[in-house]
Amino acid sequence: MPARTGILLVVSGPSGSGKTTLCRRLAADREAHYSISCCTRQPRPGEIADQDYHFLSREAFAARVAAGDFLEHALVHGNQYGTLRSEVLGFLDAGTDVVMDIDVQGAAQVRACTNPAIQRALVDLFVMPPSDEELRARLTGRGTDSPDTIALRMTNAIGEMRHWPSYTYRLLSATHEEDYARFKALLTAERLRVSRLNGLPSPAAEITPA
């Protein structure tokens, strides 16, 4: 059977939508490689360097931007975030699916990327919270952010949610299990695309002379 090219599943959504949980569960189930982002903020309690994020100083981040190491990067909540090309391209070439948890700015940059491998692999999804009230409850329930931070995240979330029509797919969040079932179903469907198969014979090669 012909080999399949890797899928680049770009997932966006406001803080509290559940997108990170979906992406990490997909990776934990060995369904895809989770692209670890770089960021300039300080680690939150329980976060592990090079497992949750690559934590960089602002100077180191700027140097990597100048070197062209990032596939995308953006300023989010006052900190820089970005995806290294090395977290994506090699995996796609090897036929491994990659899931990226990035904001709307980063997703727009990936869509605009002219690399043929990225364009062929790209699938984008926006995870939408069921309501503003539920989103606020999820952010408050974390217990890790101050009221000012929660207010800022709510303001930013409202702005982010205006971008969902730019995505190919939208997932309106329900329960964790329902969300994951639909999330995984999307990846399964994309894997069945004939256009993702390598080594298919050309139509001319299939014609048998009379």
N, C-alpha and C. Protein backbone atom coordinates (compact mmCIF):
# COMPACT_ATOMS: atom_id res chain seq x y z
N MET A 1 0.85 -1.20 0.00
CA MET A 1 0.00 0.00 0.00
C MET A 1 0.88 1.24 0.00
N PRO A 2 0.46 2.30 -0.69
CA PRO A 2 1.25 3.52 -0.71
C PRO A 2 1.31 4.18 0.66
N ALA A 3 2.41 4.86 0.94
CA ALA A 3 2.56 5.55 2.22
C ALA A 3 1.72 6.81 2.24
N ARG A 4 1.35 7.26 3.42
CA ARG A 4 0.55 8.47 3.57
C ARG A 4 1.41 9.61 4.07
N THR A 5 1.17 10.80 3.56
CA THR A 5 1.88 11.96 4.06
C THR A 5 1.29 12.38 5.40
N GLY A 6 2.09 13.07 6.20
CA GLY A 6 1.63 13.50 7.52
C GLY A 6 0.61 14.62 7.44
N ILE A 7 -0.28 14.67 8.41
CA ILE A 7 -1.29 15.71 8.54
C ILE A 7 -0.82 16.73 9.56
N LEU A 8 -0.99 18.00 9.25
CA LEU A 8 -0.69 19.07 10.21
C LEU A 8 -2.02 19.61 10.72
N LEU A 9 -2.41 19.19 11.91
CA LEU A 9 -3.68 19.58 12.50
C LEU A 9 -3.47 20.80 13.40
N VAL A 10 -3.86 21.96 12.89
CA VAL A 10 -3.70 23.22 13.61
C VAL A 10 -4.98 23.49 14.40
N VAL A 11 -4.85 23.63 15.71
CA VAL A 11 -6.02 23.77 16.60
C VAL A 11 -5.91 25.09 17.36
N SER A 12 -6.96 25.89 17.26
CA SER A 12 -7.02 27.17 17.97
C SER A 12 -8.31 27.24 18.78
N GLY A 13 -8.35 28.20 19.66
CA GLY A 13 -9.52 28.42 20.50
C GLY A 13 -9.08 29.22 21.71
N PRO A 14 -9.99 29.92 22.36
CA PRO A 14 -9.62 30.73 23.53
C PRO A 14 -9.19 29.87 24.72
N SER A 15 -8.47 30.46 25.63
CA SER A 15 -8.12 29.78 26.88
C SER A 15 -9.39 29.30 27.55
N GLY A 16 -9.40 28.02 27.96
CA GLY A 16 -10.58 27.46 28.60
C GLY A 16 -11.49 26.71 27.66
N SER A 17 -11.18 26.73 26.36
CA SER A 17 -12.03 26.03 25.39
C SER A 17 -11.81 24.52 25.43
N GLY A 18 -10.65 24.10 25.95
CA GLY A 18 -10.34 22.68 26.01
C GLY A 18 -9.42 22.20 24.90
N LYS A 19 -8.92 23.12 24.09
CA LYS A 19 -8.10 22.73 22.93
C LYS A 19 -6.81 22.05 23.34
N THR A 20 -6.15 22.53 24.39
CA THR A 20 -4.88 21.94 24.80
C THR A 20 -5.09 20.53 25.32
N THR A 21 -6.15 20.31 26.08
CA THR A 21 -6.47 18.97 26.58
C THR A 21 -6.68 18.01 25.42
N LEU A 22 -7.39 18.45 24.38
CA LEU A 22 -7.64 17.61 23.21
C LEU A 22 -6.33 17.25 22.51
N CYS A 23 -5.49 18.25 22.31
CA CYS A 23 -4.22 18.02 21.59
C CYS A 23 -3.31 17.08 22.37
N ARG A 24 -3.22 17.29 23.66
CA ARG A 24 -2.33 16.46 24.47
C ARG A 24 -2.86 15.04 24.60
N ARG A 25 -4.17 14.88 24.65
CA ARG A 25 -4.73 13.53 24.72
C ARG A 25 -4.47 12.77 23.42
N LEU A 26 -4.56 13.48 22.30
CA LEU A 26 -4.28 12.85 21.02
C LEU A 26 -2.84 12.35 20.97
N ALA A 27 -1.92 13.16 21.49
CA ALA A 27 -0.52 12.76 21.53
C ALA A 27 -0.30 11.62 22.52
N ALA A 28 -0.97 11.67 23.68
CA ALA A 28 -0.83 10.61 24.68
C ALA A 28 -1.32 9.27 24.13
N ASP A 29 -2.31 9.31 23.25
CA ASP A 29 -2.82 8.10 22.61
C ASP A 29 -1.98 7.67 21.41
N ARG A 30 -0.88 8.40 21.19
CA ARG A 30 0.06 8.12 20.10
C ARG A 30 -0.60 8.22 18.73
N GLU A 31 -1.55 9.13 18.64
CA GLU A 31 -2.21 9.38 17.37
C GLU A 31 -1.50 10.46 16.57
N ALA A 32 -0.69 11.28 17.24
CA ALA A 32 0.00 12.38 16.57
C ALA A 32 1.15 12.86 17.44
N HIS A 33 2.09 13.55 16.80
CA HIS A 33 3.17 14.22 17.53
C HIS A 33 2.67 15.58 17.99
N TYR A 34 2.81 15.88 19.27
CA TYR A 34 2.40 17.17 19.80
C TYR A 34 3.55 18.16 19.63
N SER A 35 3.28 19.22 18.88
CA SER A 35 4.30 20.24 18.64
C SER A 35 4.44 21.11 19.88
N ILE A 36 5.60 21.05 20.51
CA ILE A 36 5.86 21.83 21.73
C ILE A 36 6.25 23.25 21.35
N SER A 37 5.49 24.21 21.81
CA SER A 37 5.74 25.61 21.48
C SER A 37 6.84 26.20 22.35
N CYS A 38 7.46 27.24 21.84
CA CYS A 38 8.39 28.05 22.63
C CYS A 38 7.60 29.23 23.20
N CYS A 39 7.98 29.69 24.38
CA CYS A 39 7.32 30.88 24.93
C CYS A 39 8.28 31.61 25.87
N THR A 40 7.97 32.89 26.09
CA THR A 40 8.83 33.71 26.92
C THR A 40 8.27 33.94 28.32
N ARG A 41 7.11 33.38 28.64
CA ARG A 41 6.57 33.55 29.99
C ARG A 41 7.23 32.58 30.96
N GLN A 42 7.00 32.81 32.24
CA GLN A 42 7.52 31.93 33.28
C GLN A 42 6.65 30.66 33.36
N PRO A 43 7.23 29.53 33.72
CA PRO A 43 6.43 28.29 33.86
C PRO A 43 5.38 28.44 34.95
N ARG A 44 4.20 27.88 34.71
CA ARG A 44 3.16 27.83 35.73
C ARG A 44 3.44 26.63 36.63
N PRO A 45 2.84 26.61 37.83
CA PRO A 45 3.06 25.47 38.73
C PRO A 45 2.73 24.15 38.04
N GLY A 46 3.67 23.22 38.11
CA GLY A 46 3.47 21.90 37.52
C GLY A 46 3.96 21.76 36.09
N GLU A 47 4.24 22.87 35.42
CA GLU A 47 4.72 22.78 34.04
C GLU A 47 6.19 22.36 34.01
N ILE A 48 6.54 21.56 33.02
CA ILE A 48 7.89 21.02 32.89
C ILE A 48 8.52 21.56 31.61
N ALA A 49 9.72 22.11 31.73
CA ALA A 49 10.43 22.65 30.57
C ALA A 49 10.70 21.55 29.56
N ASP A 50 10.49 21.90 28.27
CA ASP A 50 10.72 21.01 27.13
C ASP A 50 9.73 19.85 27.07
N GLN A 51 8.75 19.88 27.94
CA GLN A 51 7.65 18.91 27.86
C GLN A 51 6.33 19.65 27.65
N ASP A 52 6.13 20.71 28.43
CA ASP A 52 4.95 21.55 28.23
C ASP A 52 5.25 22.68 27.24
N TYR A 53 6.36 23.34 27.45
CA TYR A 53 6.85 24.40 26.57
C TYR A 53 8.37 24.39 26.57
N HIS A 54 8.94 24.97 25.52
CA HIS A 54 10.35 25.34 25.54
C HIS A 54 10.38 26.77 26.07
N PHE A 55 10.81 26.96 27.31
CA PHE A 55 10.81 28.28 27.91
C PHE A 55 12.10 29.01 27.53
N LEU A 56 11.94 30.15 26.86
CA LEU A 56 13.08 30.93 26.38
C LEU A 56 13.04 32.35 26.96
N SER A 57 14.21 32.94 27.09
CA SER A 57 14.26 34.36 27.43
C SER A 57 13.81 35.16 26.20
N ARG A 58 13.44 36.40 26.42
CA ARG A 58 13.03 37.23 25.29
C ARG A 58 14.18 37.41 24.29
N GLU A 59 15.40 37.47 24.81
CA GLU A 59 16.55 37.63 23.93
C GLU A 59 16.78 36.38 23.08
N ALA A 60 16.66 35.20 23.71
CA ALA A 60 16.84 33.95 22.97
C ALA A 60 15.73 33.76 21.94
N PHE A 61 14.52 34.15 22.30
CA PHE A 61 13.39 34.03 21.37
C PHE A 61 13.64 34.93 20.16
N ALA A 62 14.06 36.17 20.41
CA ALA A 62 14.31 37.11 19.31
C ALA A 62 15.42 36.60 18.39
N ALA A 63 16.43 35.97 18.98
CA ALA A 63 17.53 35.44 18.18
C ALA A 63 17.04 34.32 17.25
N ARG A 64 16.14 33.50 17.73
CA ARG A 64 15.62 32.40 16.92
C ARG A 64 14.68 32.92 15.83
N VAL A 65 13.97 34.01 16.13
CA VAL A 65 13.16 34.66 15.09
C VAL A 65 14.07 35.16 13.97
N ALA A 66 15.15 35.83 14.36
CA ALA A 66 16.09 36.38 13.38
C ALA A 66 16.74 35.29 12.54
N ALA A 67 16.93 34.13 13.14
CA ALA A 67 17.55 33.00 12.43
C ALA A 67 16.57 32.27 11.52
N GLY A 68 15.28 32.63 11.58
CA GLY A 68 14.28 31.98 10.74
C GLY A 68 13.89 30.60 11.22
N ASP A 69 14.04 30.35 12.53
CA ASP A 69 13.77 29.01 13.07
C ASP A 69 12.28 28.73 13.27
N PHE A 70 11.44 29.77 13.26
CA PHE A 70 10.03 29.59 13.59
C PHE A 70 9.17 29.43 12.34
N LEU A 71 8.24 28.50 12.42
CA LEU A 71 7.20 28.37 11.40
C LEU A 71 6.16 29.47 11.60
N GLU A 72 5.89 29.78 12.85
CA GLU A 72 4.99 30.88 13.20
C GLU A 72 5.37 31.39 14.57
N HIS A 73 5.07 32.65 14.83
CA HIS A 73 5.27 33.20 16.18
C HIS A 73 4.36 34.41 16.34
N ALA A 74 3.96 34.68 17.59
CA ALA A 74 3.04 35.77 17.84
C ALA A 74 3.14 36.22 19.29
N LEU A 75 2.70 37.46 19.53
CA LEU A 75 2.62 38.00 20.88
C LEU A 75 1.24 37.69 21.42
N VAL A 76 1.17 36.94 22.53
CA VAL A 76 -0.10 36.51 23.11
C VAL A 76 -0.09 36.79 24.61
N HIS A 77 -1.09 37.53 25.09
CA HIS A 77 -1.18 37.87 26.52
C HIS A 77 0.12 38.47 27.05
N GLY A 78 0.80 39.26 26.21
CA GLY A 78 2.01 39.94 26.63
C GLY A 78 3.28 39.13 26.56
N ASN A 79 3.20 37.89 26.08
CA ASN A 79 4.37 37.04 25.93
C ASN A 79 4.48 36.52 24.50
N GLN A 80 5.71 36.18 24.11
CA GLN A 80 5.94 35.64 22.77
C GLN A 80 5.77 34.12 22.78
N TYR A 81 5.08 33.62 21.77
CA TYR A 81 4.91 32.18 21.57
C TYR A 81 5.29 31.87 20.12
N GLY A 82 5.82 30.67 19.89
CA GLY A 82 6.16 30.31 18.53
C GLY A 82 6.38 28.82 18.36
N THR A 83 6.28 28.36 17.12
CA THR A 83 6.48 26.95 16.77
C THR A 83 7.74 26.80 15.93
N LEU A 84 8.66 25.99 16.38
CA LEU A 84 9.88 25.75 15.63
C LEU A 84 9.60 24.88 14.41
N ARG A 85 10.24 25.18 13.30
CA ARG A 85 10.10 24.36 12.10
C ARG A 85 10.50 22.91 12.38
N SER A 86 11.48 22.74 13.26
CA SER A 86 11.97 21.40 13.57
C SER A 86 10.92 20.56 14.30
N GLU A 87 9.90 21.20 14.88
CA GLU A 87 8.83 20.47 15.56
C GLU A 87 7.77 19.96 14.59
N VAL A 88 7.91 20.34 13.30
CA VAL A 88 6.84 20.03 12.35
C VAL A 88 7.34 19.32 11.09
N LEU A 89 8.25 19.95 10.36
CA LEU A 89 8.57 19.50 9.01
C LEU A 89 9.12 18.08 8.93
N GLY A 90 10.05 17.74 9.81
CA GLY A 90 10.63 16.40 9.76
C GLY A 90 9.59 15.31 10.01
N PHE A 91 8.65 15.58 10.89
CA PHE A 91 7.60 14.60 11.20
C PHE A 91 6.67 14.41 10.01
N LEU A 92 6.29 15.52 9.37
CA LEU A 92 5.41 15.42 8.21
C LEU A 92 6.07 14.62 7.09
N ASP A 93 7.36 14.89 6.86
CA ASP A 93 8.09 14.18 5.82
C ASP A 93 8.11 12.68 6.08
N ALA A 94 8.13 12.30 7.36
CA ALA A 94 8.19 10.89 7.73
C ALA A 94 6.80 10.24 7.76
N GLY A 95 5.76 11.02 7.42
CA GLY A 95 4.40 10.47 7.42
C GLY A 95 3.74 10.47 8.79
N THR A 96 4.31 11.24 9.73
CA THR A 96 3.74 11.32 11.08
C THR A 96 2.83 12.54 11.19
N ASP A 97 1.65 12.36 11.75
CA ASP A 97 0.73 13.47 11.96
C ASP A 97 1.23 14.35 13.09
N VAL A 98 1.02 15.65 12.95
CA VAL A 98 1.46 16.63 13.94
C VAL A 98 0.26 17.46 14.36
N VAL A 99 0.09 17.67 15.66
CA VAL A 99 -0.98 18.52 16.15
C VAL A 99 -0.36 19.76 16.80
N MET A 100 -0.85 20.93 16.40
CA MET A 100 -0.35 22.21 16.89
C MET A 100 -1.44 22.93 17.64
N ASP A 101 -1.15 23.37 18.85
CA ASP A 101 -2.06 24.14 19.70
C ASP A 101 -1.57 25.59 19.66
N ILE A 102 -2.16 26.39 18.76
CA ILE A 102 -1.68 27.76 18.58
C ILE A 102 -2.84 28.74 18.49
N ASP A 103 -2.53 30.02 18.66
CA ASP A 103 -3.57 31.04 18.65
C ASP A 103 -3.92 31.43 17.21
N VAL A 104 -4.89 32.33 17.08
CA VAL A 104 -5.40 32.70 15.76
C VAL A 104 -4.34 33.41 14.91
N GLN A 105 -3.44 34.16 15.56
CA GLN A 105 -2.37 34.82 14.80
C GLN A 105 -1.43 33.80 14.19
N GLY A 106 -1.04 32.82 15.00
CA GLY A 106 -0.15 31.79 14.52
C GLY A 106 -0.79 30.96 13.42
N ALA A 107 -2.08 30.63 13.59
CA ALA A 107 -2.79 29.84 12.58
C ALA A 107 -2.83 30.57 11.24
N ALA A 108 -3.04 31.88 11.28
CA ALA A 108 -3.06 32.67 10.05
C ALA A 108 -1.70 32.62 9.35
N GLN A 109 -0.61 32.64 10.15
CA GLN A 109 0.72 32.55 9.56
C GLN A 109 0.96 31.19 8.91
N VAL A 110 0.48 30.13 9.55
CA VAL A 110 0.65 28.80 8.98
C VAL A 110 -0.13 28.68 7.68
N ARG A 111 -1.35 29.22 7.65
CA ARG A 111 -2.14 29.20 6.42
C ARG A 111 -1.43 29.94 5.29
N ALA A 112 -0.73 31.01 5.64
CA ALA A 112 -0.06 31.83 4.63
C ALA A 112 1.29 31.25 4.21
N CYS A 113 1.75 30.21 4.88
CA CYS A 113 3.05 29.61 4.56
C CYS A 113 3.01 29.03 3.15
N THR A 114 4.06 29.30 2.38
CA THR A 114 4.10 28.84 0.99
C THR A 114 4.80 27.50 0.81
N ASN A 115 5.28 26.92 1.91
CA ASN A 115 5.93 25.60 1.82
C ASN A 115 4.90 24.58 1.34
N PRO A 116 5.17 23.88 0.21
CA PRO A 116 4.19 22.92 -0.33
C PRO A 116 3.84 21.82 0.66
N ALA A 117 4.80 21.38 1.47
CA ALA A 117 4.53 20.31 2.44
C ALA A 117 3.53 20.78 3.49
N ILE A 118 3.65 22.04 3.91
CA ILE A 118 2.72 22.60 4.89
C ILE A 118 1.34 22.74 4.27
N GLN A 119 1.27 23.26 3.07
CA GLN A 119 -0.02 23.46 2.41
C GLN A 119 -0.75 22.13 2.19
N ARG A 120 -0.01 21.10 1.79
CA ARG A 120 -0.62 19.79 1.56
C ARG A 120 -1.11 19.15 2.85
N ALA A 121 -0.38 19.40 3.94
CA ALA A 121 -0.67 18.74 5.21
C ALA A 121 -1.73 19.44 6.05
N LEU A 122 -1.95 20.72 5.80
CA LEU A 122 -2.71 21.56 6.72
C LEU A 122 -4.20 21.21 6.84
N VAL A 123 -4.65 21.08 8.09
CA VAL A 123 -6.06 20.99 8.45
C VAL A 123 -6.23 21.90 9.67
N ASP A 124 -7.19 22.83 9.64
CA ASP A 124 -7.33 23.73 10.79
C ASP A 124 -8.72 23.64 11.41
N LEU A 125 -8.71 23.73 12.75
CA LEU A 125 -9.92 23.55 13.57
C LEU A 125 -9.97 24.61 14.65
N PHE A 126 -11.15 25.20 14.85
CA PHE A 126 -11.35 26.13 15.95
C PHE A 126 -12.26 25.48 16.98
N VAL A 127 -11.79 25.44 18.23
CA VAL A 127 -12.58 24.87 19.32
C VAL A 127 -13.31 26.01 20.03
N MET A 128 -14.62 25.95 20.03
CA MET A 128 -15.46 27.05 20.52
C MET A 128 -16.10 26.66 21.85
N PRO A 129 -15.98 27.48 22.88
CA PRO A 129 -16.68 27.18 24.14
C PRO A 129 -18.19 27.26 23.93
N PRO A 130 -18.97 26.52 24.71
CA PRO A 130 -20.42 26.50 24.50
C PRO A 130 -21.09 27.84 24.80
N SER A 131 -20.51 28.63 25.71
CA SER A 131 -21.10 29.93 26.06
C SER A 131 -20.04 30.75 26.79
N ASP A 132 -20.27 32.06 26.87
CA ASP A 132 -19.36 32.93 27.62
C ASP A 132 -19.36 32.55 29.10
N GLU A 133 -20.54 32.18 29.61
CA GLU A 133 -20.64 31.84 31.03
C GLU A 133 -19.83 30.58 31.35
N GLU A 134 -19.92 29.58 30.47
CA GLU A 134 -19.16 28.36 30.68
C GLU A 134 -17.66 28.62 30.56
N LEU A 135 -17.27 29.48 29.64
CA LEU A 135 -15.86 29.82 29.48
C LEU A 135 -15.33 30.49 30.74
N ARG A 136 -16.08 31.44 31.29
CA ARG A 136 -15.65 32.11 32.52
C ARG A 136 -15.53 31.10 33.67
N ALA A 137 -16.47 30.17 33.75
CA ALA A 137 -16.43 29.16 34.81
C ALA A 137 -15.19 28.28 34.67
N ARG A 138 -14.84 27.93 33.45
CA ARG A 138 -13.65 27.10 33.23
C ARG A 138 -12.38 27.84 33.61
N LEU A 139 -12.30 29.12 33.24
CA LEU A 139 -11.11 29.90 33.57
C LEU A 139 -10.98 30.12 35.07
N THR A 140 -12.10 30.38 35.73
CA THR A 140 -12.09 30.59 37.18
C THR A 140 -11.74 29.29 37.89
N GLY A 141 -12.23 28.16 37.37
CA GLY A 141 -12.01 26.86 38.00
C GLY A 141 -10.58 26.39 37.99
N ARG A 142 -9.75 26.98 37.14
CA ARG A 142 -8.34 26.58 37.13
C ARG A 142 -7.65 26.88 38.45
N GLY A 143 -8.02 28.01 39.04
CA GLY A 143 -7.42 28.40 40.31
C GLY A 143 -5.98 28.85 40.22
N THR A 144 -5.50 29.14 39.01
CA THR A 144 -4.10 29.54 38.85
C THR A 144 -3.94 30.99 38.43
N ASP A 145 -5.05 31.65 38.07
CA ASP A 145 -4.97 33.01 37.55
C ASP A 145 -5.68 33.99 38.46
N SER A 146 -5.17 35.22 38.51
CA SER A 146 -5.79 36.28 39.29
C SER A 146 -7.05 36.78 38.59
N PRO A 147 -7.93 37.49 39.31
CA PRO A 147 -9.13 38.06 38.67
C PRO A 147 -8.79 38.95 37.49
N ASP A 148 -7.70 39.73 37.59
CA ASP A 148 -7.30 40.59 36.48
C ASP A 148 -6.90 39.77 35.26
N THR A 149 -6.18 38.67 35.51
CA THR A 149 -5.76 37.81 34.41
C THR A 149 -6.97 37.16 33.75
N ILE A 150 -7.91 36.71 34.57
CA ILE A 150 -9.13 36.09 34.03
C ILE A 150 -9.91 37.10 33.19
N ALA A 151 -10.00 38.33 33.67
CA ALA A 151 -10.71 39.38 32.91
C ALA A 151 -10.03 39.62 31.57
N LEU A 152 -8.67 39.65 31.58
CA LEU A 152 -7.94 39.84 30.33
C LEU A 152 -8.16 38.68 29.37
N ARG A 153 -8.15 37.47 29.91
CA ARG A 153 -8.36 36.29 29.06
C ARG A 153 -9.77 36.27 28.48
N MET A 154 -10.76 36.72 29.24
CA MET A 154 -12.13 36.80 28.71
C MET A 154 -12.21 37.82 27.58
N THR A 155 -11.57 38.96 27.76
CA THR A 155 -11.57 39.99 26.71
C THR A 155 -10.90 39.46 25.45
N ASN A 156 -9.75 38.80 25.64
CA ASN A 156 -9.03 38.25 24.49
C ASN A 156 -9.82 37.12 23.83
N ALA A 157 -10.52 36.32 24.65
CA ALA A 157 -11.30 35.20 24.11
C ALA A 157 -12.40 35.71 23.19
N ILE A 158 -13.06 36.77 23.58
CA ILE A 158 -14.14 37.33 22.75
C ILE A 158 -13.57 37.77 21.41
N GLY A 159 -12.38 38.38 21.45
CA GLY A 159 -11.73 38.78 20.20
C GLY A 159 -11.33 37.59 19.34
N GLU A 160 -10.79 36.55 19.99
CA GLU A 160 -10.37 35.36 19.25
C GLU A 160 -11.55 34.66 18.58
N MET A 161 -12.67 34.60 19.26
CA MET A 161 -13.81 33.85 18.74
C MET A 161 -14.41 34.47 17.48
N ARG A 162 -14.06 35.72 17.21
CA ARG A 162 -14.52 36.33 15.96
C ARG A 162 -13.83 35.71 14.74
N HIS A 163 -12.74 34.97 14.97
CA HIS A 163 -11.95 34.43 13.86
C HIS A 163 -12.36 33.03 13.44
N TRP A 164 -13.34 32.41 14.11
CA TRP A 164 -13.63 31.01 13.80
C TRP A 164 -14.06 30.80 12.35
N PRO A 165 -14.72 31.78 11.65
CA PRO A 165 -15.08 31.52 10.25
C PRO A 165 -13.87 31.35 9.32
N SER A 166 -12.67 31.72 9.79
CA SER A 166 -11.47 31.56 8.95
C SER A 166 -10.99 30.11 8.92
N TYR A 167 -11.53 29.26 9.76
CA TYR A 167 -11.07 27.88 9.87
C TYR A 167 -11.93 26.95 9.02
N THR A 168 -11.35 25.83 8.64
CA THR A 168 -12.09 24.83 7.86
C THR A 168 -13.15 24.14 8.71
N TYR A 169 -12.81 23.87 9.98
CA TYR A 169 -13.70 23.15 10.87
C TYR A 169 -13.90 23.92 12.17
N ARG A 170 -15.08 23.73 12.78
CA ARG A 170 -15.35 24.30 14.10
C ARG A 170 -15.93 23.20 14.98
N LEU A 171 -15.42 23.10 16.21
CA LEU A 171 -15.93 22.15 17.18
C LEU A 171 -16.54 22.94 18.33
N LEU A 172 -17.86 22.84 18.51
CA LEU A 172 -18.53 23.50 19.63
C LEU A 172 -18.43 22.58 20.83
N SER A 173 -17.69 23.00 21.84
CA SER A 173 -17.35 22.15 22.97
C SER A 173 -18.58 21.69 23.75
N ALA A 174 -18.52 20.42 24.18
CA ALA A 174 -19.56 19.84 25.04
C ALA A 174 -18.85 19.20 26.22
N THR A 175 -18.95 17.88 26.38
CA THR A 175 -18.19 17.20 27.42
C THR A 175 -16.82 16.81 26.88
N HIS A 176 -15.90 16.45 27.78
CA HIS A 176 -14.56 16.05 27.37
C HIS A 176 -14.61 14.86 26.41
N GLU A 177 -15.42 13.87 26.73
CA GLU A 177 -15.48 12.67 25.90
C GLU A 177 -16.12 12.94 24.54
N GLU A 178 -17.17 13.74 24.52
CA GLU A 178 -17.80 14.08 23.25
C GLU A 178 -16.85 14.88 22.37
N ASP A 179 -16.15 15.83 22.98
CA ASP A 179 -15.19 16.64 22.22
C ASP A 179 -14.09 15.76 21.62
N TYR A 180 -13.57 14.86 22.43
CA TYR A 180 -12.46 14.03 21.95
C TYR A 180 -12.92 13.07 20.85
N ALA A 181 -14.11 12.54 20.98
CA ALA A 181 -14.62 11.62 19.95
C ALA A 181 -14.73 12.34 18.60
N ARG A 182 -15.23 13.56 18.61
CA ARG A 182 -15.36 14.31 17.36
C ARG A 182 -14.00 14.76 16.84
N PHE A 183 -13.13 15.13 17.75
CA PHE A 183 -11.77 15.55 17.39
C PHE A 183 -11.02 14.41 16.69
N LYS A 184 -11.09 13.24 17.27
CA LYS A 184 -10.41 12.09 16.70
C LYS A 184 -11.06 11.66 15.39
N ALA A 185 -12.39 11.80 15.29
CA ALA A 185 -13.09 11.46 14.05
C ALA A 185 -12.64 12.34 12.90
N LEU A 186 -12.37 13.62 13.19
CA LEU A 186 -11.87 14.53 12.16
C LEU A 186 -10.53 14.05 11.62
N LEU A 187 -9.62 13.68 12.52
CA LEU A 187 -8.31 13.20 12.10
C LEU A 187 -8.44 11.90 11.29
N THR A 188 -9.32 11.02 11.74
CA THR A 188 -9.53 9.76 11.02
C THR A 188 -10.01 10.02 9.60
N ALA A 189 -10.96 10.95 9.44
CA ALA A 189 -11.48 11.27 8.12
C ALA A 189 -10.40 11.85 7.22
N GLU A 190 -9.57 12.73 7.78
CA GLU A 190 -8.51 13.33 6.98
C GLU A 190 -7.48 12.30 6.54
N ARG A 191 -7.28 11.27 7.33
CA ARG A 191 -6.33 10.22 6.97
C ARG A 191 -6.82 9.41 5.77
N LEU A 192 -8.11 9.44 5.49
CA LEU A 192 -8.68 8.67 4.39
C LEU A 192 -8.63 9.41 3.06
N ARG A 193 -8.19 10.65 3.05
CA ARG A 193 -8.12 11.41 1.81
C ARG A 193 -7.16 10.75 0.82
N VAL A 194 -7.62 10.51 -0.38
CA VAL A 194 -6.78 9.92 -1.42
C VAL A 194 -5.59 10.84 -1.73
N SER A 195 -5.80 12.14 -1.63
CA SER A 195 -4.75 13.10 -1.96
C SER A 195 -3.56 13.01 -1.01
N ARG A 196 -3.72 12.32 0.12
CA ARG A 196 -2.62 12.20 1.07
C ARG A 196 -1.77 10.95 0.83
N LEU A 197 -2.14 10.14 -0.14
CA LEU A 197 -1.40 8.91 -0.40
C LEU A 197 -0.27 9.15 -1.40
N ASN A 198 0.91 8.65 -1.05
CA ASN A 198 2.06 8.74 -1.94
C ASN A 198 2.14 7.49 -2.80
N GLY A 199 2.79 7.62 -3.92
CA GLY A 199 3.11 6.44 -4.73
C GLY A 199 1.97 5.89 -5.52
N LEU A 200 0.87 6.66 -5.65
CA LEU A 200 -0.23 6.16 -6.46
C LEU A 200 0.16 6.16 -7.92
N PRO A 201 -0.21 5.14 -8.69
CA PRO A 201 0.10 5.14 -10.11
C PRO A 201 -0.70 6.20 -10.83
N SER A 202 -0.11 6.77 -11.87
CA SER A 202 -0.84 7.78 -12.64
C SER A 202 -1.95 7.11 -13.42
N PRO A 203 -3.01 7.88 -13.75
CA PRO A 203 -4.11 7.26 -14.52
C PRO A 203 -3.64 6.62 -15.82
N ALA A 204 -2.65 7.24 -16.48
CA ALA A 204 -2.15 6.70 -17.74
C ALA A 204 -1.52 5.33 -17.55
N ALA A 205 -0.87 5.14 -16.42
CA ALA A 205 -0.20 3.87 -16.15
C ALA A 205 -1.19 2.74 -15.92
N GLU A 206 -2.44 3.10 -15.61
CA GLU A 206 -3.44 2.07 -15.34
C GLU A 206 -4.17 1.62 -16.59
N ILE A 207 -3.96 2.29 -17.71
CA ILE A 207 -4.66 1.95 -18.94
C ILE A 207 -4.01 0.73 -19.59
N THR A 208 -4.80 -0.27 -19.85
CA THR A 208 -4.30 -1.47 -20.51
C THR A 208 -4.59 -1.39 -22.02
N PRO A 209 -3.55 -1.49 -22.84
CA PRO A 209 -3.77 -1.40 -24.30
C PRO A 209 -4.76 -2.43 -24.77
N ALA A 210 -5.58 -2.07 -25.72
CA ALA A 210 -6.58 -3.00 -26.27
C ALA A 210 -5.87 -4.10 -27.09
